[in-house]
Amino acid sequence: MLNLGNRIKKLRALRDMNQDQLSLATGIDRSKISRIEGGYVTPTEAELATIKSALGWPSEEAIAAALALLAGEKQPCGESAE
């Protein structure tokens, strides 16, 4: 399981952003972003909300639904599993 910092780093990479770009998008100092991603500090709730917004972080419900689909538990839009 990825910790919070690793999740931020991976999602940032998926968005093809570097730390400087995330810093500009969030107003959070690049060195703090580096420390968050490295697991050395924990962002405040406000910082985390800003990071999530800048990265288009999916909601917990969206993540759970995607994992369920990957596991074959549900099919989208009423499609059958056949």
C-alpha atoms as a PDB file:
ATOM      1  CA  MET A   1       0.000   0.000   0.000  1.00  0.00           C
ATOM      2  CA  LEU A   2       1.295   3.432  -0.900  1.00  0.00           C
ATOM      3  CA  ASN A   3       1.615   6.049   1.800  1.00  0.00           C
ATOM      4  CA  LEU A   4       0.189   9.519   1.248  1.00  0.00           C
ATOM      5  CA  GLY A   5       3.444  11.011  -0.042  1.00  0.00           C
ATOM      6  CA  ASN A   6       3.933   8.208  -2.541  1.00  0.00           C
ATOM      7  CA  ARG A   7       0.342   8.547  -3.736  1.00  0.00           C
ATOM      8  CA  ILE A   8       0.854  12.268  -4.323  1.00  0.00           C
ATOM      9  CA  LYS A   9       4.122  11.639  -6.157  1.00  0.00           C
ATOM     10  CA  LYS A  10       2.627   8.929  -8.399  1.00  0.00           C
ATOM     11  CA  LEU A  11      -0.470  10.975  -9.235  1.00  0.00           C
ATOM     12  CA  ARG A  12       1.710  14.021  -9.933  1.00  0.00           C
ATOM     13  CA  ALA A  13       3.802  11.910 -12.319  1.00  0.00           C
ATOM     14  CA  LEU A  14       0.652  10.587 -14.010  1.00  0.00           C
ATOM     15  CA  ARG A  15      -0.396  14.196 -14.562  1.00  0.00           C
ATOM     16  CA  ASP A  16       3.044  14.837 -16.083  1.00  0.00           C
ATOM     17  CA  MET A  17       3.788  17.506 -13.481  1.00  0.00           C
ATOM     18  CA  ASN A  18       7.037  18.210 -11.699  1.00  0.00           C
ATOM     19  CA  GLN A  19       7.276  19.531  -8.157  1.00  0.00           C
ATOM     20  CA  ASP A  20       7.774  23.100  -9.381  1.00  0.00           C
ATOM     21  CA  GLN A  21       4.548  22.929 -11.391  1.00  0.00           C
ATOM     22  CA  LEU A  22       2.632  21.492  -8.438  1.00  0.00           C
ATOM     23  CA  SER A  23       4.087  24.207  -6.246  1.00  0.00           C
ATOM     24  CA  LEU A  24       2.852  26.903  -8.638  1.00  0.00           C
ATOM     25  CA  ALA A  25      -0.582  25.272  -8.875  1.00  0.00           C
ATOM     26  CA  THR A  26      -0.986  24.983  -5.102  1.00  0.00           C
ATOM     27  CA  GLY A  27       0.999  27.857  -3.639  1.00  0.00           C
ATOM     28  CA  ILE A  28       2.870  25.328  -1.476  1.00  0.00           C
ATOM     29  CA  ASP A  29       6.651  25.696  -1.430  1.00  0.00           C
ATOM     30  CA  ARG A  30       8.399  23.131  -3.646  1.00  0.00           C
ATOM     31  CA  SER A  31      10.632  22.013  -0.790  1.00  0.00           C
ATOM     32  CA  LYS A  32       7.577  21.256   1.338  1.00  0.00           C
ATOM     33  CA  ILE A  33       6.055  19.241  -1.507  1.00  0.00           C
ATOM     34  CA  SER A  34       9.312  17.288  -1.656  1.00  0.00           C
ATOM     35  CA  ARG A  35       9.167  16.633   2.102  1.00  0.00           C
ATOM     36  CA  ILE A  36       5.501  15.581   1.864  1.00  0.00           C
ATOM     37  CA  GLU A  37       6.253  13.177  -0.984  1.00  0.00           C
ATOM     38  CA  GLY A  38       9.245  11.827   0.922  1.00  0.00           C
ATOM     39  CA  GLY A  39       7.087  11.145   3.973  1.00  0.00           C
ATOM     40  CA  TYR A  40       9.010  13.559   6.181  1.00  0.00           C
ATOM     41  CA  VAL A  41       6.058  15.862   6.883  1.00  0.00           C
ATOM     42  CA  THR A  42       2.289  15.535   6.748  1.00  0.00           C
ATOM     43  CA  PRO A  43       0.337  18.232   4.907  1.00  0.00           C
ATOM     44  CA  THR A  44      -2.330  20.172   6.740  1.00  0.00           C
ATOM     45  CA  GLU A  45      -5.916  19.445   5.763  1.00  0.00           C
ATOM     46  CA  ALA A  46      -5.977  22.677   3.762  1.00  0.00           C
ATOM     47  CA  GLU A  47      -2.725  21.811   1.959  1.00  0.00           C
ATOM     48  CA  LEU A  48      -3.970  18.321   1.177  1.00  0.00           C
ATOM     49  CA  ALA A  49      -7.240  19.698  -0.200  1.00  0.00           C
ATOM     50  CA  THR A  50      -5.261  22.103  -2.408  1.00  0.00           C
ATOM     51  CA  ILE A  51      -2.964  19.311  -3.635  1.00  0.00           C
ATOM     52  CA  LYS A  52      -5.928  17.042  -4.358  1.00  0.00           C
ATOM     53  CA  SER A  53      -7.639  19.797  -6.314  1.00  0.00           C
ATOM     54  CA  ALA A  54      -4.511  20.610  -8.345  1.00  0.00           C
ATOM     55  CA  LEU A  55      -3.966  16.949  -9.205  1.00  0.00           C
ATOM     56  CA  GLY A  56      -7.598  16.113  -9.900  1.00  0.00           C
ATOM     57  CA  TRP A  57      -7.357  13.504  -7.140  1.00  0.00           C
ATOM     58  CA  PRO A  58     -10.258  11.079  -7.433  1.00  0.00           C
ATOM     59  CA  SER A  59     -12.666  10.826  -4.519  1.00  0.00           C
ATOM     60  CA  GLU A  60     -12.560   7.801  -2.242  1.00  0.00           C
ATOM     61  CA  GLU A  61     -15.856   6.678  -3.779  1.00  0.00           C
ATOM     62  CA  ALA A  62     -14.390   6.827  -7.297  1.00  0.00           C
ATOM     63  CA  ILE A  63     -11.346   4.849  -6.191  1.00  0.00           C
ATOM     64  CA  ALA A  64     -13.522   2.183  -4.555  1.00  0.00           C
ATOM     65  CA  ALA A  65     -15.694   1.918  -7.675  1.00  0.00           C
ATOM     66  CA  ALA A  66     -12.641   1.593  -9.932  1.00  0.00           C
ATOM     67  CA  LEU A  67     -11.139  -1.097  -7.709  1.00  0.00           C
ATOM     68  CA  ALA A  68     -14.461  -2.972  -7.705  1.00  0.00           C
ATOM     69  CA  LEU A  69     -14.562  -2.827 -11.509  1.00  0.00           C
ATOM     70  CA  LEU A  70     -11.005  -4.082 -11.745  1.00  0.00           C
ATOM     71  CA  ALA A  71     -11.879  -6.934  -9.401  1.00  0.00           C
ATOM     72  CA  GLY A  72     -14.905  -7.801 -11.555  1.00  0.00           C
ATOM     73  CA  GLU A  73     -17.404  -7.076  -8.787  1.00  0.00           C
ATOM     74  CA  LYS A  74     -19.541  -4.712 -10.834  1.00  0.00           C
ATOM     75  CA  GLN A  75     -19.931  -3.940 -14.492  1.00  0.00           C
ATOM     76  CA  PRO A  76     -20.436  -0.320 -15.622  1.00  0.00           C
ATOM     77  CA  CYS A  77     -23.805   0.883 -16.929  1.00  0.00           C
ATOM     78  CA  GLY A  78     -25.606  -2.433 -16.486  1.00  0.00           C
ATOM     79  CA  GLU A  79     -23.270  -4.501 -18.675  1.00  0.00           C
ATOM     80  CA  SER A  80     -23.210  -8.192 -17.868  1.00  0.00           C
ATOM     81  CA  ALA A  81     -20.040 -10.044 -16.833  1.00  0.00           C
ATOM     82  CA  GLU A  82     -20.538 -12.645 -19.604  1.00  0.00           C
END
